[in-house]
């Protein structure tokens, strides 16, 4: 049941044929990069989007926890805890 067009049926195999040429992939990458650069030029005051961090460093997590505990203190002071 081997397909001659795809000798490696697993898309994660390094030799898997996607049907995309190197030129098409490069052009697609360039198109996206140019669109992002144009967006930055059109909206210079807009901050760059940040990628979410799956496992934040310990220091960042501690800051986040501190903010939450401060919020808990405010809720407690305003008698909003439930």
C-alpha atoms as a PDB file:
ATOM      1  CA  UNK A   1       0.000   0.000   0.000  1.00  0.00           C
ATOM      2  CA  UNK A   2       2.912   2.296  -0.776  1.00  0.00           C
ATOM      3  CA  UNK A   3       2.171   5.529  -2.611  1.00  0.00           C
ATOM      4  CA  UNK A   4       4.925   6.296  -5.148  1.00  0.00           C
ATOM      5  CA  UNK A   5       4.204  10.034  -4.855  1.00  0.00           C
ATOM      6  CA  UNK A   6       4.844   9.864  -1.099  1.00  0.00           C
ATOM      7  CA  UNK A   7       7.425   7.179  -0.348  1.00  0.00           C
ATOM      8  CA  UNK A   8       7.355   8.319   3.295  1.00  0.00           C
ATOM      9  CA  UNK A   9       3.673   8.578   4.355  1.00  0.00           C
ATOM     10  CA  UNK A  10       4.552  10.165   7.716  1.00  0.00           C
ATOM     11  CA  UNK A  11       4.507  13.995   7.407  1.00  0.00           C
ATOM     12  CA  UNK A  12       7.051  14.202  10.238  1.00  0.00           C
ATOM     13  CA  UNK A  13       9.603  12.140   8.322  1.00  0.00           C
ATOM     14  CA  UNK A  14      12.482  14.360   7.128  1.00  0.00           C
ATOM     15  CA  UNK A  15      12.105  13.144   3.530  1.00  0.00           C
ATOM     16  CA  UNK A  16       8.321  13.644   3.370  1.00  0.00           C
ATOM     17  CA  UNK A  17       7.302  15.410   0.163  1.00  0.00           C
ATOM     18  CA  UNK A  18       4.831  18.251   0.795  1.00  0.00           C
ATOM     19  CA  UNK A  19       4.444  19.307  -2.816  1.00  0.00           C
ATOM     20  CA  UNK A  20       5.713  22.793  -1.981  1.00  0.00           C
ATOM     21  CA  UNK A  21       8.786  23.997  -3.794  1.00  0.00           C
ATOM     22  CA  UNK A  22      11.569  25.804  -1.985  1.00  0.00           C
ATOM     23  CA  UNK A  23      10.750  28.886  -4.046  1.00  0.00           C
ATOM     24  CA  UNK A  24       7.087  28.840  -2.957  1.00  0.00           C
ATOM     25  CA  UNK A  25       8.048  28.499   0.704  1.00  0.00           C
ATOM     26  CA  UNK A  26      10.558  31.370   0.468  1.00  0.00           C
ATOM     27  CA  UNK A  27       8.014  33.583  -1.309  1.00  0.00           C
ATOM     28  CA  UNK A  28       5.399  32.799   1.349  1.00  0.00           C
ATOM     29  CA  UNK A  29       7.846  33.636   4.118  1.00  0.00           C
ATOM     30  CA  UNK A  30       8.834  36.893   2.397  1.00  0.00           C
ATOM     31  CA  UNK A  31       5.180  37.846   1.908  1.00  0.00           C
ATOM     32  CA  UNK A  32       4.443  37.430   5.614  1.00  0.00           C
ATOM     33  CA  UNK A  33       7.614  39.271   6.637  1.00  0.00           C
ATOM     34  CA  UNK A  34       6.825  42.223   4.339  1.00  0.00           C
ATOM     35  CA  UNK A  35       3.246  42.372   5.629  1.00  0.00           C
ATOM     36  CA  UNK A  36       4.517  42.503   9.219  1.00  0.00           C
ATOM     37  CA  UNK A  37       7.005  45.265   8.325  1.00  0.00           C
ATOM     38  CA  UNK A  38       4.260  47.264   6.594  1.00  0.00           C
ATOM     39  CA  UNK A  39       2.003  46.846   9.633  1.00  0.00           C
ATOM     40  CA  UNK A  40       4.778  48.211  11.856  1.00  0.00           C
ATOM     41  CA  UNK A  41       5.244  51.221   9.538  1.00  0.00           C
ATOM     42  CA  UNK A  42       1.510  51.938   9.441  1.00  0.00           C
ATOM     43  CA  UNK A  43       1.092  51.669  13.226  1.00  0.00           C
ATOM     44  CA  UNK A  44       4.397  52.736  14.831  1.00  0.00           C
ATOM     45  CA  UNK A  45       2.743  53.450  18.192  1.00  0.00           C
ATOM     46  CA  UNK A  46       1.318  49.940  18.507  1.00  0.00           C
ATOM     47  CA  UNK A  47       3.515  47.660  20.645  1.00  0.00           C
ATOM     48  CA  UNK A  48       4.843  44.508  19.066  1.00  0.00           C
ATOM     49  CA  UNK A  49       2.843  41.406  19.946  1.00  0.00           C
ATOM     50  CA  UNK A  50       4.557  39.138  22.417  1.00  0.00           C
ATOM     51  CA  UNK A  51       4.537  35.409  22.216  1.00  0.00           C
ATOM     52  CA  UNK A  52       3.144  33.712  25.317  1.00  0.00           C
ATOM     53  CA  UNK A  53       5.742  31.822  27.314  1.00  0.00           C
ATOM     54  CA  UNK A  54       4.779  28.233  28.051  1.00  0.00           C
ATOM     55  CA  UNK A  55       7.071  27.945  31.078  1.00  0.00           C
ATOM     56  CA  UNK A  56       7.839  31.430  32.436  1.00  0.00           C
ATOM     57  CA  UNK A  57      11.048  31.841  34.448  1.00  0.00           C
ATOM     58  CA  UNK A  58      10.659  31.726  38.213  1.00  0.00           C
ATOM     59  CA  UNK A  59      11.077  35.497  38.571  1.00  0.00           C
ATOM     60  CA  UNK A  60       8.229  36.273  36.191  1.00  0.00           C
ATOM     61  CA  UNK A  61       5.956  33.804  37.933  1.00  0.00           C
ATOM     62  CA  UNK A  62       6.765  35.377  41.285  1.00  0.00           C
ATOM     63  CA  UNK A  63       5.848  38.832  39.943  1.00  0.00           C
ATOM     64  CA  UNK A  64       2.545  37.461  38.687  1.00  0.00           C
ATOM     65  CA  UNK A  65       1.824  35.842  42.042  1.00  0.00           C
ATOM     66  CA  UNK A  66       2.614  39.097  43.832  1.00  0.00           C
ATOM     67  CA  UNK A  67       0.154  41.004  41.643  1.00  0.00           C
ATOM     68  CA  UNK A  68      -2.536  38.475  42.441  1.00  0.00           C
ATOM     69  CA  UNK A  69      -1.861  38.697  46.152  1.00  0.00           C
ATOM     70  CA  UNK A  70      -2.044  42.497  45.948  1.00  0.00           C
ATOM     71  CA  UNK A  71      -5.390  42.159  44.200  1.00  0.00           C
ATOM     72  CA  UNK A  72      -6.528  39.800  46.937  1.00  0.00           C
ATOM     73  CA  UNK A  73      -5.540  42.417  49.532  1.00  0.00           C
ATOM     74  CA  UNK A  74      -7.566  45.076  47.721  1.00  0.00           C
ATOM     75  CA  UNK A  75     -10.579  42.770  47.486  1.00  0.00           C
ATOM     76  CA  UNK A  76     -10.243  42.021  51.185  1.00  0.00           C
ATOM     77  CA  UNK A  77      -9.981  45.723  52.063  1.00  0.00           C
ATOM     78  CA  UNK A  78     -13.095  46.478  50.028  1.00  0.00           C
ATOM     79  CA  UNK A  79     -14.904  43.442  51.453  1.00  0.00           C
ATOM     80  CA  UNK A  80     -15.247  41.926  47.980  1.00  0.00           C
ATOM     81  CA  UNK A  81     -13.833  38.467  48.731  1.00  0.00           C
ATOM     82  CA  UNK A  82     -16.194  35.642  48.194  1.00  0.00           C
END
